[in-house]
Amino acid sequence: MAANLFGRYVWLMDILRRHKRLTFQEISELWQESGLGYGEELPLRTFHNHQKAIKDIFDVYIECDRKDGYRYYIDEPERIDGNNLRNWLISSYATLNQIQVDNKLEDRIIFEEIPSGQTWLTLIAEAMRRNSVLSITYQGFSNPDTNTFDMEPYLLKVVKRRWYVVARSPYYSDKNSRRGIKPSDVYRIYALDRISEIHDTGRKFKMKNDFDAYSYFEGCCGIITSGEPIQRIVLRAYDLFVNYIRTLPLHESQHEIASDEDSATFEYHLRPTFDFYQLIFAQIDQVEILEPEPVRIKMRNFAQNILRYYNTPK
């Protein structure tokens, strides 16, 4: 029943986000057509209960404009659009609702599988909610041996079909603190598919007030973080990739600064980590880094290494 109610809340937010303004009668008609209401009208009392629950759970306000024919709308829609998690949750759950009520769509919508999210995701999310210290057994790609250690899970992030957990390391943080190293807190990133065991230690932790998820990944293009400063990077896109990059920016800081018939030039402010270079290489020969020169040189070195593989006889 709880899952069904959650689906109703998401449905209501989704239709108001898409239709902007609706009378209660229009909402009720859409409810009947959706399949969630099994063809029955939406009771006004139920609607008002959902309206209140959405405010309490999602911090989203559904208001009524009496001067505009008593039409309902979402006040401050940026509460949804400006929150990536909330936006993703509503969009995904709205699609799931549609699939569940219409079996004809079940085999016509394909989702990309994320293998690492099936085993440990729920357990880590629950530990995050309760601030529980976890003991994990982990083997990184560069390490032939497994290690078991404690971690304090702070946030989850998915990048390129792989889930990661960002965690504070009690061991290294305490070690830095004893040595007087500042900042003493050490945060590590672990891929969930490299974890073989997880146990709840029964101990609790308190999140550091100075930790901010967005600041931690500021200027990053993926999961790799860096202490180097954010740089202004300019690249030129060619041919069909111009429209591709316009509709799907490579980074949130993307800004188009020039264009002609064959190309467009974009400006970014980010940290050129390995994730960034991988992102550029994924565009093959349709992107060129113009500046700064050190980033352009590093990209050229990567390209020369690739040419060496293909120019060497088999």
C-alpha atoms as a PDB file:
ATOM      1  CA  MET A   1       0.000   0.000   0.000  1.00  0.00           C
ATOM      2  CA  ALA A   2       2.861   2.360   0.874  1.00  0.00           C
ATOM      3  CA  ALA A   3       4.505   1.775  -2.515  1.00  0.00           C
ATOM      4  CA  ASN A   4       1.161   2.403  -4.219  1.00  0.00           C
ATOM      5  CA  LEU A   5       0.755   5.705  -2.359  1.00  0.00           C
ATOM      6  CA  PHE A   6       4.291   6.738  -3.297  1.00  0.00           C
ATOM      7  CA  GLY A   7       3.449   6.036  -6.930  1.00  0.00           C
ATOM      8  CA  ARG A   8       0.336   8.214  -6.666  1.00  0.00           C
ATOM      9  CA  TYR A   9       2.373  11.112  -5.277  1.00  0.00           C
ATOM     10  CA  VAL A  10       4.911  10.819  -8.079  1.00  0.00           C
ATOM     11  CA  TRP A  11       2.151  10.603 -10.688  1.00  0.00           C
ATOM     12  CA  LEU A  12       0.524  13.796  -9.401  1.00  0.00           C
ATOM     13  CA  MET A  13       3.788  15.743  -9.412  1.00  0.00           C
ATOM     14  CA  ASP A  14       4.660  14.420 -12.852  1.00  0.00           C
ATOM     15  CA  ILE A  15       1.403  15.480 -14.563  1.00  0.00           C
ATOM     16  CA  LEU A  16       1.528  18.949 -12.994  1.00  0.00           C
ATOM     17  CA  ARG A  17       5.125  19.325 -14.053  1.00  0.00           C
ATOM     18  CA  ARG A  18       4.220  18.365 -17.629  1.00  0.00           C
ATOM     19  CA  HIS A  19       0.847  20.146 -17.960  1.00  0.00           C
ATOM     20  CA  LYS A  20       1.823  23.160 -15.794  1.00  0.00           C
ATOM     21  CA  ARG A  21      -1.744  24.099 -14.707  1.00  0.00           C
ATOM     22  CA  LEU A  22      -4.787  21.843 -14.324  1.00  0.00           C
ATOM     23  CA  THR A  23      -8.205  22.073 -12.752  1.00  0.00           C
ATOM     24  CA  PHE A  24      -9.194  19.349 -10.329  1.00  0.00           C
ATOM     25  CA  GLN A  25     -11.604  17.978 -12.949  1.00  0.00           C
ATOM     26  CA  GLU A  26      -8.763  17.707 -15.463  1.00  0.00           C
ATOM     27  CA  ILE A  27      -6.573  15.995 -12.878  1.00  0.00           C
ATOM     28  CA  SER A  28      -9.353  13.518 -12.105  1.00  0.00           C
ATOM     29  CA  GLU A  29      -9.844  12.737 -15.808  1.00  0.00           C
ATOM     30  CA  LEU A  30      -6.125  12.130 -16.275  1.00  0.00           C
ATOM     31  CA  TRP A  31      -6.219   9.911 -13.202  1.00  0.00           C
ATOM     32  CA  GLN A  32      -8.969   7.780 -14.735  1.00  0.00           C
ATOM     33  CA  GLU A  33      -7.050   7.464 -18.009  1.00  0.00           C
ATOM     34  CA  SER A  34      -3.740   6.628 -16.324  1.00  0.00           C
ATOM     35  CA  GLY A  35      -4.775   3.196 -15.134  1.00  0.00           C
ATOM     36  CA  LEU A  36      -3.619   3.833 -11.574  1.00  0.00           C
ATOM     37  CA  GLY A  37      -7.179   4.741 -10.587  1.00  0.00           C
ATOM     38  CA  TYR A  38      -8.681   1.664 -12.292  1.00  0.00           C
ATOM     39  CA  GLY A  39     -11.030   3.912 -14.253  1.00  0.00           C
ATOM     40  CA  GLU A  40     -12.482   5.567 -11.158  1.00  0.00           C
ATOM     41  CA  GLU A  41     -12.603   9.292 -10.437  1.00  0.00           C
ATOM     42  CA  LEU A  42     -10.132  10.783  -8.010  1.00  0.00           C
ATOM     43  CA  PRO A  43     -11.946  11.802  -4.790  1.00  0.00           C
ATOM     44  CA  LEU A  44     -11.334  15.433  -3.842  1.00  0.00           C
ATOM     45  CA  ARG A  45     -10.469  14.450  -0.275  1.00  0.00           C
ATOM     46  CA  THR A  46      -7.872  11.967  -1.536  1.00  0.00           C
ATOM     47  CA  PHE A  47      -6.381  14.654  -3.769  1.00  0.00           C
ATOM     48  CA  HIS A  48      -5.998  17.055  -0.847  1.00  0.00           C
ATOM     49  CA  ASN A  49      -4.403  14.283   1.247  1.00  0.00           C
ATOM     50  CA  HIS A  50      -1.906  13.633  -1.557  1.00  0.00           C
ATOM     51  CA  GLN A  51      -1.268  17.365  -1.824  1.00  0.00           C
ATOM     52  CA  LYS A  52      -0.330  17.512   1.856  1.00  0.00           C
ATOM     53  CA  ALA A  53       1.776  14.345   1.737  1.00  0.00           C
ATOM     54  CA  ILE A  54       3.762  15.648  -1.235  1.00  0.00           C
ATOM     55  CA  LYS A  55       4.532  18.792   0.711  1.00  0.00           C
ATOM     56  CA  ASP A  56       5.722  16.782   3.740  1.00  0.00           C
ATOM     57  CA  ILE A  57       7.713  14.126   1.873  1.00  0.00           C
ATOM     58  CA  PHE A  58       9.131  15.975  -1.142  1.00  0.00           C
ATOM     59  CA  ASP A  59       8.992  19.615   0.025  1.00  0.00           C
ATOM     60  CA  VAL A  60       7.009  20.342  -3.160  1.00  0.00           C
ATOM     61  CA  TYR A  61       4.061  22.729  -2.884  1.00  0.00           C
ATOM     62  CA  ILE A  62       0.947  22.235  -5.032  1.00  0.00           C
ATOM     63  CA  GLU A  63      -1.027  25.472  -4.965  1.00  0.00           C
ATOM     64  CA  CYS A  64      -4.396  26.548  -6.377  1.00  0.00           C
ATOM     65  CA  ASP A  65      -4.806  29.721  -8.422  1.00  0.00           C
ATOM     66  CA  ARG A  66      -8.394  30.817  -7.831  1.00  0.00           C
ATOM     67  CA  LYS A  67      -8.049  33.706 -10.298  1.00  0.00           C
ATOM     68  CA  ASP A  68      -7.175  31.252 -13.076  1.00  0.00           C
ATOM     69  CA  GLY A  69     -10.230  29.018 -12.887  1.00  0.00           C
ATOM     70  CA  TYR A  70      -9.096  27.191  -9.739  1.00  0.00           C
ATOM     71  CA  ARG A  71      -6.168  25.607 -11.512  1.00  0.00           C
ATOM     72  CA  TYR A  72      -3.530  23.711  -9.563  1.00  0.00           C
ATOM     73  CA  TYR A  73       0.183  24.151 -10.214  1.00  0.00           C
ATOM     74  CA  ILE A  74       3.560  23.403  -8.656  1.00  0.00           C
ATOM     75  CA  ASP A  75       4.868  26.442  -6.842  1.00  0.00           C
ATOM     76  CA  GLU A  76       8.601  26.964  -7.364  1.00  0.00           C
ATOM     77  CA  PRO A  77       9.096  24.071  -9.830  1.00  0.00           C
ATOM     78  CA  GLU A  78      12.839  24.512  -9.442  1.00  0.00           C
ATOM     79  CA  ARG A  79      12.449  22.485  -6.237  1.00  0.00           C
ATOM     80  CA  ILE A  80      12.145  19.531  -8.627  1.00  0.00           C
ATOM     81  CA  ASP A  81      14.124  20.645 -11.665  1.00  0.00           C
ATOM     82  CA  GLY A  82      17.026  21.946  -9.593  1.00  0.00           C
ATOM     83  CA  ASN A  83      17.371  18.748  -7.556  1.00  0.00           C
ATOM     84  CA  ASN A  84      18.975  15.961  -9.603  1.00  0.00           C
ATOM     85  CA  LEU A  85      17.923  13.152  -7.278  1.00  0.00           C
ATOM     86  CA  ARG A  86      14.328  14.354  -6.958  1.00  0.00           C
ATOM     87  CA  ASN A  87      14.074  14.953 -10.706  1.00  0.00           C
ATOM     88  CA  TRP A  88      15.457  11.497 -11.522  1.00  0.00           C
ATOM     89  CA  LEU A  89      13.218   9.829  -8.934  1.00  0.00           C
ATOM     90  CA  ILE A  90      10.030  11.422 -10.260  1.00  0.00           C
ATOM     91  CA  SER A  91      10.870  10.744 -13.913  1.00  0.00           C
ATOM     92  CA  SER A  92      11.891   7.142 -13.264  1.00  0.00           C
ATOM     93  CA  TYR A  93       8.960   6.313 -11.019  1.00  0.00           C
ATOM     94  CA  ALA A  94       6.504   7.927 -13.442  1.00  0.00           C
ATOM     95  CA  THR A  95       7.840   5.666 -16.206  1.00  0.00           C
ATOM     96  CA  LEU A  96       7.605   2.640 -13.902  1.00  0.00           C
ATOM     97  CA  ASN A  97       3.998   3.553 -13.109  1.00  0.00           C
ATOM     98  CA  GLN A  98       3.169   3.610 -16.807  1.00  0.00           C
ATOM     99  CA  ILE A  99       4.807   0.240 -17.444  1.00  0.00           C
ATOM    100  CA  GLN A 100       2.994  -1.374 -14.512  1.00  0.00           C
ATOM    101  CA  VAL A 101      -0.458  -0.239 -15.630  1.00  0.00           C
ATOM    102  CA  ASP A 102       0.128  -1.010 -19.301  1.00  0.00           C
ATOM    103  CA  ASN A 103       1.594  -4.466 -19.931  1.00  0.00           C
ATOM    104  CA  LYS A 104       1.909  -3.655 -23.633  1.00  0.00           C
ATOM    105  CA  LEU A 105       4.906  -1.449 -22.831  1.00  0.00           C
ATOM    106  CA  GLU A 106       6.751  -3.990 -20.709  1.00  0.00           C
ATOM    107  CA  ASP A 107       8.910  -5.309 -23.574  1.00  0.00           C
ATOM    108  CA  ARG A 108       9.169  -1.985 -25.377  1.00  0.00           C
ATOM    109  CA  ILE A 109      11.221  -0.028 -22.839  1.00  0.00           C
ATOM    110  CA  ILE A 110      14.820  -1.110 -22.258  1.00  0.00           C
ATOM    111  CA  PHE A 111      16.812   0.060 -19.252  1.00  0.00           C
ATOM    112  CA  GLU A 112      20.581  -0.055 -19.047  1.00  0.00           C
ATOM    113  CA  GLU A 113      21.664  -2.611 -16.481  1.00  0.00           C
ATOM    114  CA  ILE A 114      23.982  -1.495 -13.679  1.00  0.00           C
ATOM    115  CA  PRO A 115      25.494  -4.747 -12.352  1.00  0.00           C
ATOM    116  CA  SER A 116      27.054  -3.286  -9.194  1.00  0.00           C
ATOM    117  CA  GLY A 117      23.785  -1.859  -7.895  1.00  0.00           C
ATOM    118  CA  GLN A 118      22.036  -5.134  -7.155  1.00  0.00           C
ATOM    119  CA  THR A 119      24.027  -6.561  -4.242  1.00  0.00           C
ATOM    120  CA  TRP A 120      25.132  -3.806  -1.889  1.00  0.00           C
ATOM    121  CA  LEU A 121      23.193  -0.678  -2.894  1.00  0.00           C
ATOM    122  CA  THR A 122      20.248  -1.068  -0.516  1.00  0.00           C
ATOM    123  CA  LEU A 123      22.453  -2.110   2.400  1.00  0.00           C
ATOM    124  CA  ILE A 124      24.759   0.899   2.007  1.00  0.00           C
ATOM    125  CA  ALA A 125      21.829   3.297   1.563  1.00  0.00           C
ATOM    126  CA  GLU A 126      20.313   1.974   4.794  1.00  0.00           C
ATOM    127  CA  ALA A 127      23.651   2.436   6.583  1.00  0.00           C
ATOM    128  CA  MET A 128      23.790   6.010   5.298  1.00  0.00           C
ATOM    129  CA  ARG A 129      20.307   6.670   6.660  1.00  0.00           C
ATOM    130  CA  ARG A 130      21.234   5.305  10.094  1.00  0.00           C
ATOM    131  CA  ASN A 131      24.850   6.609  10.101  1.00  0.00           C
ATOM    132  CA  SER A 132      26.185   3.090  10.658  1.00  0.00           C
ATOM    133  CA  VAL A 133      29.881   2.247  10.393  1.00  0.00           C
ATOM    134  CA  LEU A 134      30.379  -0.603   7.920  1.00  0.00           C
ATOM    135  CA  SER A 135      33.174  -3.139   7.660  1.00  0.00           C
ATOM    136  CA  ILE A 136      33.877  -4.016   4.024  1.00  0.00           C
ATOM    137  CA  THR A 137      36.147  -6.457   2.246  1.00  0.00           C
ATOM    138  CA  TYR A 138      37.462  -4.749  -0.851  1.00  0.00           C
ATOM    139  CA  GLN A 139      39.793  -5.456  -3.757  1.00  0.00           C
ATOM    140  CA  GLY A 140      40.788  -2.602  -6.027  1.00  0.00           C
ATOM    141  CA  PHE A 141      41.747  -3.217  -9.649  1.00  0.00           C
ATOM    142  CA  SER A 142      45.367  -2.291  -8.899  1.00  0.00           C
ATOM    143  CA  ASN A 143      45.633  -4.542  -5.843  1.00  0.00           C
ATOM    144  CA  PRO A 144      45.915  -8.352  -6.136  1.00  0.00           C
ATOM    145  CA  ASP A 145      44.881  -8.842  -2.503  1.00  0.00           C
ATOM    146  CA  THR A 146      41.657  -8.068  -0.647  1.00  0.00           C
ATOM    147  CA  ASN A 147      41.566  -5.812   2.396  1.00  0.00           C
ATOM    148  CA  THR A 148      39.007  -5.551   5.171  1.00  0.00           C
ATOM    149  CA  PHE A 149      38.467  -2.199   6.865  1.00  0.00           C
ATOM    150  CA  ASP A 150      35.834   0.116   8.329  1.00  0.00           C
ATOM    151  CA  MET A 151      34.195   2.954   6.449  1.00  0.00           C
ATOM    152  CA  GLU A 152      31.630   5.640   7.165  1.00  0.00           C
ATOM    153  CA  PRO A 153      29.365   5.844   4.061  1.00  0.00           C
ATOM    154  CA  TYR A 154      28.623   9.473   3.117  1.00  0.00           C
ATOM    155  CA  LEU A 155      27.143   9.402  -0.381  1.00  0.00           C
ATOM    156  CA  LEU A 156      26.401   7.210  -3.390  1.00  0.00           C
ATOM    157  CA  LYS A 157      27.097   8.094  -6.996  1.00  0.00           C
ATOM    158  CA  VAL A 158      26.580   6.247 -10.270  1.00  0.00           C
ATOM    159  CA  VAL A 159      29.002   6.845 -13.148  1.00  0.00           C
ATOM    160  CA  LYS A 160      29.166   4.874 -16.414  1.00  0.00           C
ATOM    161  CA  ARG A 161      27.057   1.933 -15.233  1.00  0.00           C
ATOM    162  CA  ARG A 162      28.972   1.563 -11.973  1.00  0.00           C
ATOM    163  CA  TRP A 163      27.889   2.542  -8.451  1.00  0.00           C
ATOM    164  CA  TYR A 164      30.388   4.117  -6.070  1.00  0.00           C
ATOM    165  CA  VAL A 165      30.265   4.995  -2.395  1.00  0.00           C
ATOM    166  CA  VAL A 166      32.182   7.957  -1.013  1.00  0.00           C
ATOM    167  CA  ALA A 167      33.153   7.186   2.568  1.00  0.00           C
ATOM    168  CA  ARG A 168      35.179   8.677   5.354  1.00  0.00           C
ATOM    169  CA  SER A 169      38.046   6.402   6.413  1.00  0.00           C
ATOM    170  CA  PRO A 170      38.232   6.202  10.243  1.00  0.00           C
ATOM    171  CA  TYR A 171      41.691   4.594  10.060  1.00  0.00           C
ATOM    172  CA  TYR A 172      43.406   7.214   7.899  1.00  0.00           C
ATOM    173  CA  SER A 173      41.485  10.100   9.471  1.00  0.00           C
ATOM    174  CA  ASP A 174      42.569   9.071  12.972  1.00  0.00           C
ATOM    175  CA  LYS A 175      46.136   8.566  11.721  1.00  0.00           C
ATOM    176  CA  ASN A 176      46.233  12.078  10.260  1.00  0.00           C
ATOM    177  CA  SER A 177      44.722  13.508  13.422  1.00  0.00           C
ATOM    178  CA  ARG A 178      47.447  11.922  15.574  1.00  0.00           C
ATOM    179  CA  ARG A 179      50.112  13.326  13.287  1.00  0.00           C
ATOM    180  CA  GLY A 180      48.555  16.776  13.299  1.00  0.00           C
ATOM    181  CA  ILE A 181      47.874  16.714   9.542  1.00  0.00           C
ATOM    182  CA  LYS A 182      45.139  19.104   8.392  1.00  0.00           C
ATOM    183  CA  PRO A 183      42.571  18.522   7.161  1.00  0.00           C
ATOM    184  CA  SER A 184      42.640  15.301   9.099  1.00  0.00           C
ATOM    185  CA  ASP A 185      39.534  13.756   7.538  1.00  0.00           C
ATOM    186  CA  VAL A 186      40.282  11.373   4.675  1.00  0.00           C
ATOM    187  CA  TYR A 187      37.575  10.387   2.192  1.00  0.00           C
ATOM    188  CA  ARG A 188      37.884   7.445  -0.174  1.00  0.00           C
ATOM    189  CA  ILE A 189      35.828   6.276  -3.142  1.00  0.00           C
ATOM    190  CA  TYR A 190      34.951   2.596  -3.498  1.00  0.00           C
ATOM    191  CA  ALA A 191      33.303   0.821  -6.434  1.00  0.00           C
ATOM    192  CA  LEU A 192      30.467  -1.390  -5.237  1.00  0.00           C
ATOM    193  CA  ASP A 193      31.381  -4.177  -7.666  1.00  0.00           C
ATOM    194  CA  ARG A 194      34.803  -4.511  -5.982  1.00  0.00           C
ATOM    195  CA  ILE A 195      33.206  -5.221  -2.578  1.00  0.00           C
ATOM    196  CA  SER A 196      32.942  -8.923  -1.656  1.00  0.00           C
ATOM    197  CA  GLU A 197      31.568  -8.602   1.896  1.00  0.00           C
ATOM    198  CA  ILE A 198      29.858  -5.992   4.063  1.00  0.00           C
ATOM    199  CA  HIS A 199      29.063  -6.186   7.763  1.00  0.00           C
ATOM    200  CA  ASP A 200      27.417  -3.663  10.054  1.00  0.00           C
ATOM    201  CA  THR A 201      29.810  -3.020  12.956  1.00  0.00           C
ATOM    202  CA  GLY A 202      27.001  -1.850  15.229  1.00  0.00           C
ATOM    203  CA  ARG A 203      28.800   1.454  15.762  1.00  0.00           C
ATOM    204  CA  LYS A 204      27.474   4.866  14.727  1.00  0.00           C
ATOM    205  CA  PHE A 205      29.241   7.839  13.204  1.00  0.00           C
ATOM    206  CA  LYS A 206      28.415  11.517  12.917  1.00  0.00           C
ATOM    207  CA  MET A 207      28.793  13.149   9.518  1.00  0.00           C
ATOM    208  CA  LYS A 208      31.268  16.002   9.385  1.00  0.00           C
ATOM    209  CA  ASN A 209      29.498  19.339   9.072  1.00  0.00           C
ATOM    210  CA  ASP A 210      32.076  20.654   6.617  1.00  0.00           C
ATOM    211  CA  PHE A 211      31.538  17.834   4.089  1.00  0.00           C
ATOM    212  CA  ASP A 212      29.540  18.857   1.018  1.00  0.00           C
ATOM    213  CA  ALA A 213      28.895  16.353  -1.775  1.00  0.00           C
ATOM    214  CA  TYR A 214      28.754  18.941  -4.544  1.00  0.00           C
ATOM    215  CA  SER A 215      31.919  20.690  -3.381  1.00  0.00           C
ATOM    216  CA  TYR A 216      33.690  17.321  -3.175  1.00  0.00           C
ATOM    217  CA  PHE A 217      33.042  16.661  -6.888  1.00  0.00           C
ATOM    218  CA  GLU A 218      33.151  20.284  -8.026  1.00  0.00           C
ATOM    219  CA  GLY A 219      34.727  20.573 -11.453  1.00  0.00           C
ATOM    220  CA  CYS A 220      34.915  16.796 -11.937  1.00  0.00           C
ATOM    221  CA  CYS A 221      33.625  14.924 -14.974  1.00  0.00           C
ATOM    222  CA  GLY A 222      33.089  11.572 -13.323  1.00  0.00           C
ATOM    223  CA  ILE A 223      34.226   9.785 -10.191  1.00  0.00           C
ATOM    224  CA  ILE A 224      37.905  10.823 -10.079  1.00  0.00           C
ATOM    225  CA  THR A 225      38.612  13.805  -7.844  1.00  0.00           C
ATOM    226  CA  SER A 226      41.646  16.045  -7.897  1.00  0.00           C
ATOM    227  CA  GLY A 227      43.252  18.704  -5.771  1.00  0.00           C
ATOM    228  CA  GLU A 228      44.396  20.727  -8.784  1.00  0.00           C
ATOM    229  CA  PRO A 229      42.544  23.988  -9.470  1.00  0.00           C
ATOM    230  CA  ILE A 230      39.593  24.282 -11.824  1.00  0.00           C
ATOM    231  CA  GLN A 231      40.761  25.435 -15.251  1.00  0.00           C
ATOM    232  CA  ARG A 232      39.158  27.149 -18.207  1.00  0.00           C
ATOM    233  CA  ILE A 233      39.161  24.647 -21.064  1.00  0.00           C
ATOM    234  CA  VAL A 234      38.086  25.434 -24.624  1.00  0.00           C
ATOM    235  CA  LEU A 235      37.277  22.790 -27.204  1.00  0.00           C
ATOM    236  CA  ARG A 236      35.869  22.763 -30.707  1.00  0.00           C
ATOM    237  CA  ALA A 237      33.255  20.261 -31.878  1.00  0.00           C
ATOM    238  CA  TYR A 238      32.840  19.355 -35.535  1.00  0.00           C
ATOM    239  CA  ASP A 239      30.117  18.097 -37.873  1.00  0.00           C
ATOM    240  CA  LEU A 240      27.167  16.201 -36.382  1.00  0.00           C
ATOM    241  CA  PHE A 241      28.682  16.210 -32.914  1.00  0.00           C
ATOM    242  CA  VAL A 242      27.932  19.928 -32.578  1.00  0.00           C
ATOM    243  CA  ASN A 243      24.217  19.316 -32.068  1.00  0.00           C
ATOM    244  CA  TYR A 244      24.930  16.241 -29.961  1.00  0.00           C
ATOM    245  CA  ILE A 245      27.017  18.234 -27.517  1.00  0.00           C
ATOM    246  CA  ARG A 246      24.505  21.081 -27.474  1.00  0.00           C
ATOM    247  CA  THR A 247      21.710  18.763 -26.351  1.00  0.00           C
ATOM    248  CA  LEU A 248      23.850  16.607 -24.055  1.00  0.00           C
ATOM    249  CA  PRO A 249      26.557  18.793 -22.455  1.00  0.00           C
ATOM    250  CA  LEU A 250      29.851  17.144 -21.566  1.00  0.00           C
ATOM    251  CA  HIS A 251      29.866  19.023 -18.245  1.00  0.00           C
ATOM    252  CA  GLU A 252      27.493  21.264 -16.336  1.00  0.00           C
ATOM    253  CA  SER A 253      29.774  24.278 -16.924  1.00  0.00           C
ATOM    254  CA  GLN A 254      29.490  23.998 -20.712  1.00  0.00           C
ATOM    255  CA  HIS A 255      28.978  27.319 -22.500  1.00  0.00           C
ATOM    256  CA  GLU A 256      28.968  27.869 -26.266  1.00  0.00           C
ATOM    257  CA  ILE A 257      31.123  30.858 -27.207  1.00  0.00           C
ATOM    258  CA  ALA A 258      31.342  30.665 -31.030  1.00  0.00           C
ATOM    259  CA  SER A 259      30.043  28.745 -34.045  1.00  0.00           C
ATOM    260  CA  ASP A 260      30.154  28.552 -37.836  1.00  0.00           C
ATOM    261  CA  GLU A 261      28.755  26.237 -40.511  1.00  0.00           C
ATOM    262  CA  ASP A 262      31.105  23.352 -39.687  1.00  0.00           C
ATOM    263  CA  SER A 263      31.884  23.649 -35.986  1.00  0.00           C
ATOM    264  CA  ALA A 264      31.117  25.182 -32.607  1.00  0.00           C
ATOM    265  CA  THR A 265      33.428  26.238 -29.789  1.00  0.00           C
ATOM    266  CA  PHE A 266      32.597  25.493 -26.159  1.00  0.00           C
ATOM    267  CA  GLU A 267      34.064  26.724 -22.901  1.00  0.00           C
ATOM    268  CA  TYR A 268      34.278  24.715 -19.661  1.00  0.00           C
ATOM    269  CA  HIS A 269      35.497  25.276 -16.133  1.00  0.00           C
ATOM    270  CA  LEU A 270      36.622  21.955 -14.682  1.00  0.00           C
ATOM    271  CA  ARG A 271      39.504  19.825 -13.442  1.00  0.00           C
ATOM    272  CA  PRO A 272      41.139  17.869 -16.313  1.00  0.00           C
ATOM    273  CA  THR A 273      41.191  14.471 -14.605  1.00  0.00           C
ATOM    274  CA  PHE A 274      41.526  11.137 -16.385  1.00  0.00           C
ATOM    275  CA  ASP A 275      37.721  10.981 -16.534  1.00  0.00           C
ATOM    276  CA  PHE A 276      37.774  14.168 -18.597  1.00  0.00           C
ATOM    277  CA  TYR A 277      40.242  12.778 -21.143  1.00  0.00           C
ATOM    278  CA  GLN A 278      38.204   9.564 -21.415  1.00  0.00           C
ATOM    279  CA  LEU A 279      35.141  11.681 -22.104  1.00  0.00           C
ATOM    280  CA  ILE A 280      36.915  13.512 -24.917  1.00  0.00           C
ATOM    281  CA  PHE A 281      38.273  10.304 -26.447  1.00  0.00           C
ATOM    282  CA  ALA A 282      34.768   8.876 -26.489  1.00  0.00           C
ATOM    283  CA  GLN A 283      33.943  11.476 -29.156  1.00  0.00           C
ATOM    284  CA  ILE A 284      36.659   9.997 -31.443  1.00  0.00           C
ATOM    285  CA  ASP A 285      37.730  12.570 -34.062  1.00  0.00           C
ATOM    286  CA  GLN A 286      34.908  15.085 -33.677  1.00  0.00           C
ATOM    287  CA  VAL A 287      36.375  17.135 -30.812  1.00  0.00           C
ATOM    288  CA  GLU A 288      39.589  19.134 -30.511  1.00  0.00           C
ATOM    289  CA  ILE A 289      40.965  20.757 -27.357  1.00  0.00           C
ATOM    290  CA  LEU A 290      42.093  24.299 -28.178  1.00  0.00           C
ATOM    291  CA  GLU A 291      43.331  25.515 -24.789  1.00  0.00           C
ATOM    292  CA  PRO A 292      45.031  25.591 -22.380  1.00  0.00           C
ATOM    293  CA  GLU A 293      48.206  24.336 -24.004  1.00  0.00           C
ATOM    294  CA  PRO A 294      49.209  21.834 -21.251  1.00  0.00           C
ATOM    295  CA  VAL A 295      45.840  20.080 -21.572  1.00  0.00           C
ATOM    296  CA  ARG A 296      46.137  20.095 -25.367  1.00  0.00           C
ATOM    297  CA  ILE A 297      49.659  18.600 -25.119  1.00  0.00           C
ATOM    298  CA  LYS A 298      48.505  15.860 -22.744  1.00  0.00           C
ATOM    299  CA  MET A 299      45.659  14.983 -25.101  1.00  0.00           C
ATOM    300  CA  ARG A 300      48.137  14.837 -27.973  1.00  0.00           C
ATOM    301  CA  ASN A 301      50.355  12.465 -25.968  1.00  0.00           C
ATOM    302  CA  PHE A 302      47.406  10.150 -25.390  1.00  0.00           C
ATOM    303  CA  ALA A 303      46.650  10.211 -29.127  1.00  0.00           C
ATOM    304  CA  GLN A 304      50.271   9.419 -30.011  1.00  0.00           C
ATOM    305  CA  ASN A 305      50.246   6.422 -27.667  1.00  0.00           C
ATOM    306  CA  ILE A 306      47.120   5.121 -29.392  1.00  0.00           C
ATOM    307  CA  LEU A 307      48.732   5.598 -32.821  1.00  0.00           C
ATOM    308  CA  ARG A 308      51.727   3.611 -31.621  1.00  0.00           C
ATOM    309  CA  TYR A 309      49.474   0.617 -30.970  1.00  0.00           C
ATOM    310  CA  TYR A 310      48.021   0.711 -34.471  1.00  0.00           C
ATOM    311  CA  ASN A 311      51.203   1.647 -36.351  1.00  0.00           C
ATOM    312  CA  THR A 312      53.138  -1.286 -34.894  1.00  0.00           C
ATOM    313  CA  PRO A 313      52.879  -4.408 -37.125  1.00  0.00           C
ATOM    314  CA  LYS A 314      51.058  -7.318 -35.547  1.00  0.00           C
END
